[in-house]
Amino acid sequence: MGSRNELLLPLFASLMTYGIIKIFGFVFGRWPKYYWIIMAIVVASFTNININNYVRFQTDWYYQKSIIENMKNNDKLEKAKYVTFCE
């Protein structure tokens, strides 16, 4: 799983893609016939990426909370010198 710092990557990529499409329109002097469909696909794909990232990090947060709760309630872990996690 990536880091939480990567959450801004889809925002940057969507702004870059939007800018490239705008420049494409200005260079050729007119917008492509299916400009709005292209923009809708771009927006939908980056929205999907953001929702997937949110769900992954939310699931990871619940996973971490459950580990903390299980460690609090386990006497063997309190007495242990080292604890190793394998996912």
PDB file of N, CA and C in Angstrom:
ATOM      1  N   MET A   1       0.843  -1.167   0.000  1.00  0.00           N
ATOM      2  CA  MET A   1       0.000   0.000   0.000  1.00  0.00           C
ATOM      3  C   MET A   1       0.890   1.232   0.000  1.00  0.00           C
ATOM      4  N   GLY A   2       0.500   2.230  -0.737  1.00  0.00           N
ATOM      5  CA  GLY A   2       1.282   3.448  -0.834  1.00  0.00           C
ATOM      6  C   GLY A   2       1.173   4.294   0.417  1.00  0.00           C
ATOM      7  N   SER A   3       1.865   5.401   0.408  1.00  0.00           N
ATOM      8  CA  SER A   3       1.818   6.297   1.553  1.00  0.00           C
ATOM      9  C   SER A   3       0.685   7.300   1.383  1.00  0.00           C
ATOM     10  N   ARG A   4       0.352   7.935   2.476  1.00  0.00           N
ATOM     11  CA  ARG A   4      -0.720   8.926   2.430  1.00  0.00           C
ATOM     12  C   ARG A   4      -0.305  10.164   1.641  1.00  0.00           C
ATOM     13  N   ASN A   5       0.983  10.340   1.420  1.00  0.00           N
ATOM     14  CA  ASN A   5       1.456  11.471   0.626  1.00  0.00           C
ATOM     15  C   ASN A   5       1.090  11.325  -0.851  1.00  0.00           C
ATOM     16  N   GLU A   6       0.784  10.104  -1.258  1.00  0.00           N
ATOM     17  CA  GLU A   6       0.437   9.863  -2.656  1.00  0.00           C
ATOM     18  C   GLU A   6      -1.004  10.237  -2.976  1.00  0.00           C
ATOM     19  N   LEU A   7      -1.752  10.694  -1.999  1.00  0.00           N
ATOM     20  CA  LEU A   7      -3.146  11.058  -2.242  1.00  0.00           C
ATOM     21  C   LEU A   7      -3.277  12.248  -3.187  1.00  0.00           C
ATOM     22  N   LEU A   8      -2.256  13.105  -3.244  1.00  0.00           N
ATOM     23  CA  LEU A   8      -2.319  14.274  -4.114  1.00  0.00           C
ATOM     24  C   LEU A   8      -1.918  13.960  -5.553  1.00  0.00           C
ATOM     25  N   LEU A   9      -1.380  12.786  -5.797  1.00  0.00           N
ATOM     26  CA  LEU A   9      -0.961  12.425  -7.147  1.00  0.00           C
ATOM     27  C   LEU A   9      -2.109  12.451  -8.151  1.00  0.00           C
ATOM     28  N   PRO A  10      -3.281  11.882  -7.866  1.00  0.00           N
ATOM     29  CA  PRO A  10      -4.374  11.967  -8.844  1.00  0.00           C
ATOM     30  C   PRO A  10      -4.817  13.407  -9.126  1.00  0.00           C
ATOM     31  N   LEU A  11      -4.751  14.268  -8.108  1.00  0.00           N
ATOM     32  CA  LEU A  11      -5.102  15.675  -8.332  1.00  0.00           C
ATOM     33  C   LEU A  11      -4.136  16.317  -9.319  1.00  0.00           C
ATOM     34  N   PHE A  12      -2.842  16.126  -9.104  1.00  0.00           N
ATOM     35  CA  PHE A  12      -1.841  16.676 -10.001  1.00  0.00           C
ATOM     36  C   PHE A  12      -1.985  16.105 -11.407  1.00  0.00           C
ATOM     37  N   ALA A  13      -2.191  14.800 -11.501  1.00  0.00           N
ATOM     38  CA  ALA A  13      -2.318  14.156 -12.807  1.00  0.00           C
ATOM     39  C   ALA A  13      -3.565  14.642 -13.538  1.00  0.00           C
ATOM     40  N   SER A  14      -4.658  14.854 -12.810  1.00  0.00           N
ATOM     41  CA  SER A  14      -5.876  15.338 -13.463  1.00  0.00           C
ATOM     42  C   SER A  14      -5.692  16.770 -13.962  1.00  0.00           C
ATOM     43  N   LEU A  15      -5.008  17.612 -13.189  1.00  0.00           N
ATOM     44  CA  LEU A  15      -4.753  18.980 -13.648  1.00  0.00           C
ATOM     45  C   LEU A  15      -3.838  18.991 -14.871  1.00  0.00           C
ATOM     46  N   MET A  16      -2.834  18.122 -14.871  1.00  0.00           N
ATOM     47  CA  MET A  16      -1.949  18.039 -16.035  1.00  0.00           C
ATOM     48  C   MET A  16      -2.702  17.543 -17.268  1.00  0.00           C
ATOM     49  N   THR A  17      -3.540  16.548 -17.102  1.00  0.00           N
ATOM     50  CA  THR A  17      -4.307  16.016 -18.230  1.00  0.00           C
ATOM     51  C   THR A  17      -5.268  17.072 -18.764  1.00  0.00           C
ATOM     52  N   TYR A  18      -5.918  17.768 -17.862  1.00  0.00           N
ATOM     53  CA  TYR A  18      -6.834  18.839 -18.266  1.00  0.00           C
ATOM     54  C   TYR A  18      -6.069  19.910 -19.044  1.00  0.00           C
ATOM     55  N   GLY A  19      -4.896  20.291 -18.548  1.00  0.00           N
ATOM     56  CA  GLY A  19      -4.091  21.297 -19.233  1.00  0.00           C
ATOM     57  C   GLY A  19      -3.646  20.838 -20.612  1.00  0.00           C
ATOM     58  N   ILE A  20      -3.264  19.586 -20.732  1.00  0.00           N
ATOM     59  CA  ILE A  20      -2.840  19.057 -22.043  1.00  0.00           C
ATOM     60  C   ILE A  20      -4.001  19.072 -23.026  1.00  0.00           C
ATOM     61  N   ILE A  21      -5.181  18.709 -22.571  1.00  0.00           N
ATOM     62  CA  ILE A  21      -6.352  18.724 -23.457  1.00  0.00           C
ATOM     63  C   ILE A  21      -6.687  20.154 -23.867  1.00  0.00           C
ATOM     64  N   LYS A  22      -6.570  21.107 -22.930  1.00  0.00           N
ATOM     65  CA  LYS A  22      -6.830  22.513 -23.267  1.00  0.00           C
ATOM     66  C   LYS A  22      -5.807  23.029 -24.283  1.00  0.00           C
ATOM     67  N   ILE A  23      -4.536  22.697 -24.070  1.00  0.00           N
ATOM     68  CA  ILE A  23      -3.492  23.126 -25.007  1.00  0.00           C
ATOM     69  C   ILE A  23      -3.732  22.502 -26.373  1.00  0.00           C
ATOM     70  N   PHE A  24      -4.135  21.242 -26.394  1.00  0.00           N
ATOM     71  CA  PHE A  24      -4.445  20.565 -27.649  1.00  0.00           C
ATOM     72  C   PHE A  24      -5.520  21.336 -28.419  1.00  0.00           C
ATOM     73  N   GLY A  25      -6.537  21.820 -27.711  1.00  0.00           N
ATOM     74  CA  GLY A  25      -7.599  22.588 -28.357  1.00  0.00           C
ATOM     75  C   GLY A  25      -7.120  23.920 -28.899  1.00  0.00           C
ATOM     76  N   PHE A  26      -6.236  24.583 -28.143  1.00  0.00           N
ATOM     77  CA  PHE A  26      -5.730  25.877 -28.599  1.00  0.00           C
ATOM     78  C   PHE A  26      -4.771  25.729 -29.777  1.00  0.00           C
ATOM     79  N   VAL A  27      -3.968  24.686 -29.788  1.00  0.00           N
ATOM     80  CA  VAL A  27      -2.989  24.492 -30.862  1.00  0.00           C
ATOM     81  C   VAL A  27      -3.692  24.216 -32.186  1.00  0.00           C
ATOM     82  N   PHE A  28      -4.706  23.379 -32.175  1.00  0.00           N
ATOM     83  CA  PHE A  28      -5.396  23.032 -33.408  1.00  0.00           C
ATOM     84  C   PHE A  28      -6.521  23.998 -33.750  1.00  0.00           C
ATOM     85  N   GLY A  29      -6.756  24.981 -32.916  1.00  0.00           N
ATOM     86  CA  GLY A  29      -7.706  26.036 -33.237  1.00  0.00           C
ATOM     87  C   GLY A  29      -9.166  25.701 -32.994  1.00  0.00           C
ATOM     88  N   ARG A  30      -9.464  24.473 -32.726  1.00  0.00           N
ATOM     89  CA  ARG A  30     -10.853  24.108 -32.415  1.00  0.00           C
ATOM     90  C   ARG A  30     -10.838  22.899 -31.499  1.00  0.00           C
ATOM     91  N   TRP A  31     -11.935  22.716 -30.795  1.00  0.00           N
ATOM     92  CA  TRP A  31     -12.038  21.590 -29.888  1.00  0.00           C
ATOM     93  C   TRP A  31     -12.418  20.342 -30.659  1.00  0.00           C
ATOM     94  N   PRO A  32     -11.930  19.202 -30.209  1.00  0.00           N
ATOM     95  CA  PRO A  32     -12.343  17.955 -30.863  1.00  0.00           C
ATOM     96  C   PRO A  32     -13.866  17.787 -30.775  1.00  0.00           C
ATOM     97  N   LYS A  33     -14.400  17.026 -31.681  1.00  0.00           N
ATOM     98  CA  LYS A  33     -15.844  16.827 -31.741  1.00  0.00           C
ATOM     99  C   LYS A  33     -16.385  16.205 -30.449  1.00  0.00           C
ATOM    100  N   TYR A  34     -15.608  15.339 -29.862  1.00  0.00           N
ATOM    101  CA  TYR A  34     -16.043  14.632 -28.661  1.00  0.00           C
ATOM    102  C   TYR A  34     -15.333  15.153 -27.409  1.00  0.00           C
ATOM    103  N   TYR A  35     -15.086  16.446 -27.363  1.00  0.00           N
ATOM    104  CA  TYR A  35     -14.357  17.059 -26.256  1.00  0.00           C
ATOM    105  C   TYR A  35     -14.997  16.761 -24.905  1.00  0.00           C
ATOM    106  N   TRP A  36     -16.297  16.923 -24.790  1.00  0.00           N
ATOM    107  CA  TRP A  36     -16.976  16.742 -23.504  1.00  0.00           C
ATOM    108  C   TRP A  36     -16.974  15.280 -23.068  1.00  0.00           C
ATOM    109  N   ILE A  37     -17.012  14.372 -24.023  1.00  0.00           N
ATOM    110  CA  ILE A  37     -16.925  12.952 -23.676  1.00  0.00           C
ATOM    111  C   ILE A  37     -15.531  12.634 -23.149  1.00  0.00           C
ATOM    112  N   ILE A  38     -14.515  13.185 -23.793  1.00  0.00           N
ATOM    113  CA  ILE A  38     -13.146  12.973 -23.339  1.00  0.00           C
ATOM    114  C   ILE A  38     -12.966  13.529 -21.936  1.00  0.00           C
ATOM    115  N   MET A  39     -13.465  14.731 -21.686  1.00  0.00           N
ATOM    116  CA  MET A  39     -13.334  15.338 -20.365  1.00  0.00           C
ATOM    117  C   MET A  39     -14.107  14.546 -19.314  1.00  0.00           C
ATOM    118  N   ALA A  40     -15.279  14.037 -19.667  1.00  0.00           N
ATOM    119  CA  ALA A  40     -16.058  13.234 -18.721  1.00  0.00           C
ATOM    120  C   ALA A  40     -15.317  11.954 -18.365  1.00  0.00           C
ATOM    121  N   ILE A  41     -14.673  11.322 -19.345  1.00  0.00           N
ATOM    122  CA  ILE A  41     -13.900  10.106 -19.075  1.00  0.00           C
ATOM    123  C   ILE A  41     -12.713  10.418 -18.168  1.00  0.00           C
ATOM    124  N   VAL A  42     -12.037  11.527 -18.429  1.00  0.00           N
ATOM    125  CA  VAL A  42     -10.893  11.919 -17.597  1.00  0.00           C
ATOM    126  C   VAL A  42     -11.349  12.175 -16.154  1.00  0.00           C
ATOM    127  N   VAL A  43     -12.406  12.944 -15.988  1.00  0.00           N
ATOM    128  CA  VAL A  43     -12.905  13.252 -14.646  1.00  0.00           C
ATOM    129  C   VAL A  43     -13.373  11.982 -13.940  1.00  0.00           C
ATOM    130  N   ALA A  44     -14.075  11.121 -14.649  1.00  0.00           N
ATOM    131  CA  ALA A  44     -14.573   9.880 -14.044  1.00  0.00           C
ATOM    132  C   ALA A  44     -13.427   8.962 -13.633  1.00  0.00           C
ATOM    133  N   SER A  45     -12.392   8.881 -14.446  1.00  0.00           N
ATOM    134  CA  SER A  45     -11.274   7.994 -14.101  1.00  0.00           C
ATOM    135  C   SER A  45     -10.531   8.498 -12.871  1.00  0.00           C
ATOM    136  N   PHE A  46     -10.293   9.800 -12.791  1.00  0.00           N
ATOM    137  CA  PHE A  46      -9.589  10.316 -11.618  1.00  0.00           C
ATOM    138  C   PHE A  46     -10.475  10.301 -10.373  1.00  0.00           C
ATOM    139  N   THR A  47     -11.766  10.452 -10.538  1.00  0.00           N
ATOM    140  CA  THR A  47     -12.684  10.309  -9.401  1.00  0.00           C
ATOM    141  C   THR A  47     -12.645   8.880  -8.886  1.00  0.00           C
ATOM    142  N   ASN A  48     -12.621   7.931  -9.794  1.00  0.00           N
ATOM    143  CA  ASN A  48     -12.529   6.524  -9.408  1.00  0.00           C
ATOM    144  C   ASN A  48     -11.234   6.240  -8.642  1.00  0.00           C
ATOM    145  N   ILE A  49     -10.130   6.796  -9.100  1.00  0.00           N
ATOM    146  CA  ILE A  49      -8.850   6.614  -8.417  1.00  0.00           C
ATOM    147  C   ILE A  49      -8.912   7.185  -7.004  1.00  0.00           C
ATOM    148  N   ASN A  50      -9.493   8.384  -6.857  1.00  0.00           N
ATOM    149  CA  ASN A  50      -9.584   9.004  -5.539  1.00  0.00           C
ATOM    150  C   ASN A  50     -10.473   8.198  -4.598  1.00  0.00           C
ATOM    151  N   ILE A  51     -11.579   7.682  -5.090  1.00  0.00           N
ATOM    152  CA  ILE A  51     -12.470   6.878  -4.251  1.00  0.00           C
ATOM    153  C   ILE A  51     -11.770   5.593  -3.824  1.00  0.00           C
ATOM    154  N   ASN A  52     -11.060   4.961  -4.743  1.00  0.00           N
ATOM    155  CA  ASN A  52     -10.321   3.736  -4.397  1.00  0.00           C
ATOM    156  C   ASN A  52      -9.249   4.009  -3.345  1.00  0.00           C
ATOM    157  N   ASN A  53      -8.542   5.136  -3.476  1.00  0.00           N
ATOM    158  CA  ASN A  53      -7.538   5.496  -2.472  1.00  0.00           C
ATOM    159  C   ASN A  53      -8.186   5.714  -1.110  1.00  0.00           C
ATOM    160  N   TYR A  54      -9.306   6.402  -1.090  1.00  0.00           N
ATOM    161  CA  TYR A  54     -10.005   6.656   0.174  1.00  0.00           C
ATOM    162  C   TYR A  54     -10.417   5.341   0.830  1.00  0.00           C
ATOM    163  N   VAL A  55     -10.976   4.436   0.066  1.00  0.00           N
ATOM    164  CA  VAL A  55     -11.425   3.155   0.615  1.00  0.00           C
ATOM    165  C   VAL A  55     -10.237   2.349   1.138  1.00  0.00           C
ATOM    166  N   ARG A  56      -9.138   2.332   0.406  1.00  0.00           N
ATOM    167  CA  ARG A  56      -7.945   1.605   0.857  1.00  0.00           C
ATOM    168  C   ARG A  56      -7.414   2.144   2.173  1.00  0.00           C
ATOM    169  N   PHE A  57      -7.303   3.466   2.278  1.00  0.00           N
ATOM    170  CA  PHE A  57      -6.760   4.046   3.494  1.00  0.00           C
ATOM    171  C   PHE A  57      -7.737   3.935   4.666  1.00  0.00           C
ATOM    172  N   GLN A  58      -9.026   3.996   4.387  1.00  0.00           N
ATOM    173  CA  GLN A  58     -10.019   3.802   5.442  1.00  0.00           C
ATOM    174  C   GLN A  58      -9.961   2.365   5.968  1.00  0.00           C
ATOM    175  N   THR A  59      -9.841   1.404   5.071  1.00  0.00           N
ATOM    176  CA  THR A  59      -9.714   0.000   5.471  1.00  0.00           C
ATOM    177  C   THR A  59      -8.440  -0.214   6.272  1.00  0.00           C
ATOM    178  N   ASP A  60      -7.347   0.389   5.845  1.00  0.00           N
ATOM    179  CA  ASP A  60      -6.088   0.276   6.564  1.00  0.00           C
ATOM    180  C   ASP A  60      -6.205   0.879   7.962  1.00  0.00           C
ATOM    181  N   TRP A  61      -6.912   1.981   8.090  1.00  0.00           N
ATOM    182  CA  TRP A  61      -7.098   2.616   9.391  1.00  0.00           C
ATOM    183  C   TRP A  61      -7.857   1.684  10.337  1.00  0.00           C
ATOM    184  N   TYR A  62      -8.929   1.055   9.851  1.00  0.00           N
ATOM    185  CA  TYR A  62      -9.674   0.112  10.686  1.00  0.00           C
ATOM    186  C   TYR A  62      -8.807  -1.092  11.061  1.00  0.00           C
ATOM    187  N   TYR A  63      -7.979  -1.527  10.139  1.00  0.00           N
ATOM    188  CA  TYR A  63      -7.059  -2.635  10.405  1.00  0.00           C
ATOM    189  C   TYR A  63      -6.089  -2.258  11.523  1.00  0.00           C
ATOM    190  N   GLN A  64      -5.537  -1.062  11.461  1.00  0.00           N
ATOM    191  CA  GLN A  64      -4.615  -0.603  12.487  1.00  0.00           C
ATOM    192  C   GLN A  64      -5.311  -0.470  13.832  1.00  0.00           C
ATOM    193  N   LYS A  65      -6.532   0.044  13.845  1.00  0.00           N
ATOM    194  CA  LYS A  65      -7.292   0.172  15.093  1.00  0.00           C
ATOM    195  C   LYS A  65      -7.564  -1.201  15.706  1.00  0.00           C
ATOM    196  N   SER A  66      -7.873  -2.194  14.876  1.00  0.00           N
ATOM    197  CA  SER A  66      -8.139  -3.529  15.412  1.00  0.00           C
ATOM    198  C   SER A  66      -6.872  -4.150  15.999  1.00  0.00           C
ATOM    199  N   ILE A  67      -5.726  -3.910  15.380  1.00  0.00           N
ATOM    200  CA  ILE A  67      -4.464  -4.406  15.924  1.00  0.00           C
ATOM    201  C   ILE A  67      -4.199  -3.765  17.288  1.00  0.00           C
ATOM    202  N   ILE A  68      -4.435  -2.474  17.394  1.00  0.00           N
ATOM    203  CA  ILE A  68      -4.218  -1.771  18.664  1.00  0.00           C
ATOM    204  C   ILE A  68      -5.123  -2.339  19.750  1.00  0.00           C
ATOM    205  N   GLU A  69      -6.387  -2.551  19.417  1.00  0.00           N
ATOM    206  CA  GLU A  69      -7.328  -3.100  20.401  1.00  0.00           C
ATOM    207  C   GLU A  69      -6.934  -4.519  20.814  1.00  0.00           C
ATOM    208  N   ASN A  70      -6.526  -5.326  19.866  1.00  0.00           N
ATOM    209  CA  ASN A  70      -6.111  -6.692  20.187  1.00  0.00           C
ATOM    210  C   ASN A  70      -4.845  -6.711  21.034  1.00  0.00           C
ATOM    211  N   MET A  71      -3.945  -5.788  20.795  1.00  0.00           N
ATOM    212  CA  MET A  71      -2.726  -5.726  21.587  1.00  0.00           C
ATOM    213  C   MET A  71      -3.020  -5.269  23.011  1.00  0.00           C
ATOM    214  N   LYS A  72      -3.979  -4.387  23.176  1.00  0.00           N
ATOM    215  CA  LYS A  72      -4.347  -3.921  24.512  1.00  0.00           C
ATOM    216  C   LYS A  72      -4.932  -5.046  25.356  1.00  0.00           C
ATOM    217  N   ASN A  73      -5.669  -5.936  24.724  1.00  0.00           N
ATOM    218  CA  ASN A  73      -6.391  -6.982  25.441  1.00  0.00           C
ATOM    219  C   ASN A  73      -5.627  -8.291  25.575  1.00  0.00           C
ATOM    220  N   ASN A  74      -4.410  -8.357  25.104  1.00  0.00           N
ATOM    221  CA  ASN A  74      -3.641  -9.603  25.126  1.00  0.00           C
ATOM    222  C   ASN A  74      -2.507  -9.501  26.149  1.00  0.00           C
ATOM    223  N   ASP A  75      -2.566 -10.340  27.189  1.00  0.00           N
ATOM    224  CA  ASP A  75      -1.539 -10.313  28.245  1.00  0.00           C
ATOM    225  C   ASP A  75      -0.186 -10.797  27.749  1.00  0.00           C
ATOM    226  N   LYS A  76      -0.175 -11.756  26.838  1.00  0.00           N
ATOM    227  CA  LYS A  76       1.090 -12.278  26.324  1.00  0.00           C
ATOM    228  C   LYS A  76       1.874 -11.202  25.578  1.00  0.00           C
ATOM    229  N   LEU A  77       1.154 -10.340  24.869  1.00  0.00           N
ATOM    230  CA  LEU A  77       1.837  -9.281  24.124  1.00  0.00           C
ATOM    231  C   LEU A  77       2.402  -8.218  25.059  1.00  0.00           C
ATOM    232  N   GLU A  78       1.759  -8.012  26.180  1.00  0.00           N
ATOM    233  CA  GLU A  78       2.282  -7.032  27.132  1.00  0.00           C
ATOM    234  C   GLU A  78       3.613  -7.488  27.715  1.00  0.00           C
ATOM    235  N   LYS A  79       3.780  -8.785  27.894  1.00  0.00           N
ATOM    236  CA  LYS A  79       5.014  -9.320  28.483  1.00  0.00           C
ATOM    237  C   LYS A  79       6.090  -9.595  27.429  1.00  0.00           C
ATOM    238  N   ALA A  80       5.714  -9.550  26.163  1.00  0.00           N
ATOM    239  CA  ALA A  80       6.667  -9.886  25.096  1.00  0.00           C
ATOM    240  C   ALA A  80       7.716  -8.799  24.942  1.00  0.00           C
ATOM    241  N   LYS A  81       8.907  -9.251  24.605  1.00  0.00           N
ATOM    242  CA  LYS A  81      10.007  -8.318  24.380  1.00  0.00           C
ATOM    243  C   LYS A  81       9.959  -7.769  22.944  1.00  0.00           C
ATOM    244  N   TYR A  82       9.657  -8.646  22.004  1.00  0.00           N
ATOM    245  CA  TYR A  82       9.586  -8.258  20.588  1.00  0.00           C
ATOM    246  C   TYR A  82       8.274  -8.767  20.000  1.00  0.00           C
ATOM    247  N   VAL A  83       7.720  -7.979  19.087  1.00  0.00           N
ATOM    248  CA  VAL A  83       6.501  -8.375  18.378  1.00  0.00           C
ATOM    249  C   VAL A  83       6.758  -8.170  16.884  1.00  0.00           C
ATOM    250  N   THR A  84       6.476  -9.193  16.100  1.00  0.00           N
ATOM    251  CA  THR A  84       6.665  -9.127  14.653  1.00  0.00           C
ATOM    252  C   THR A  84       5.326  -9.282  13.954  1.00  0.00           C
ATOM    253  N   PHE A  85       5.077  -8.445  12.960  1.00  0.00           N
ATOM    254  CA  PHE A  85       3.837  -8.506  12.188  1.00  0.00           C
ATOM    255  C   PHE A  85       4.126  -8.986  10.777  1.00  0.00           C
ATOM    256  N   CYS A  86       3.327  -9.904  10.308  1.00  0.00           N
ATOM    257  CA  CYS A  86       3.429 -10.380   8.933  1.00  0.00           C
ATOM    258  C   CYS A  86       2.047 -10.223   8.299  1.00  0.00           C
ATOM    259  N   GLU A  87       1.988  -9.453   7.233  1.00  0.00           N
ATOM    260  CA  GLU A  87       0.703  -9.273   6.549  1.00  0.00           C
ATOM    261  C   GLU A  87       0.598 -10.195   5.377  1.00  0.00           C
TER     262      GLU A  87
END
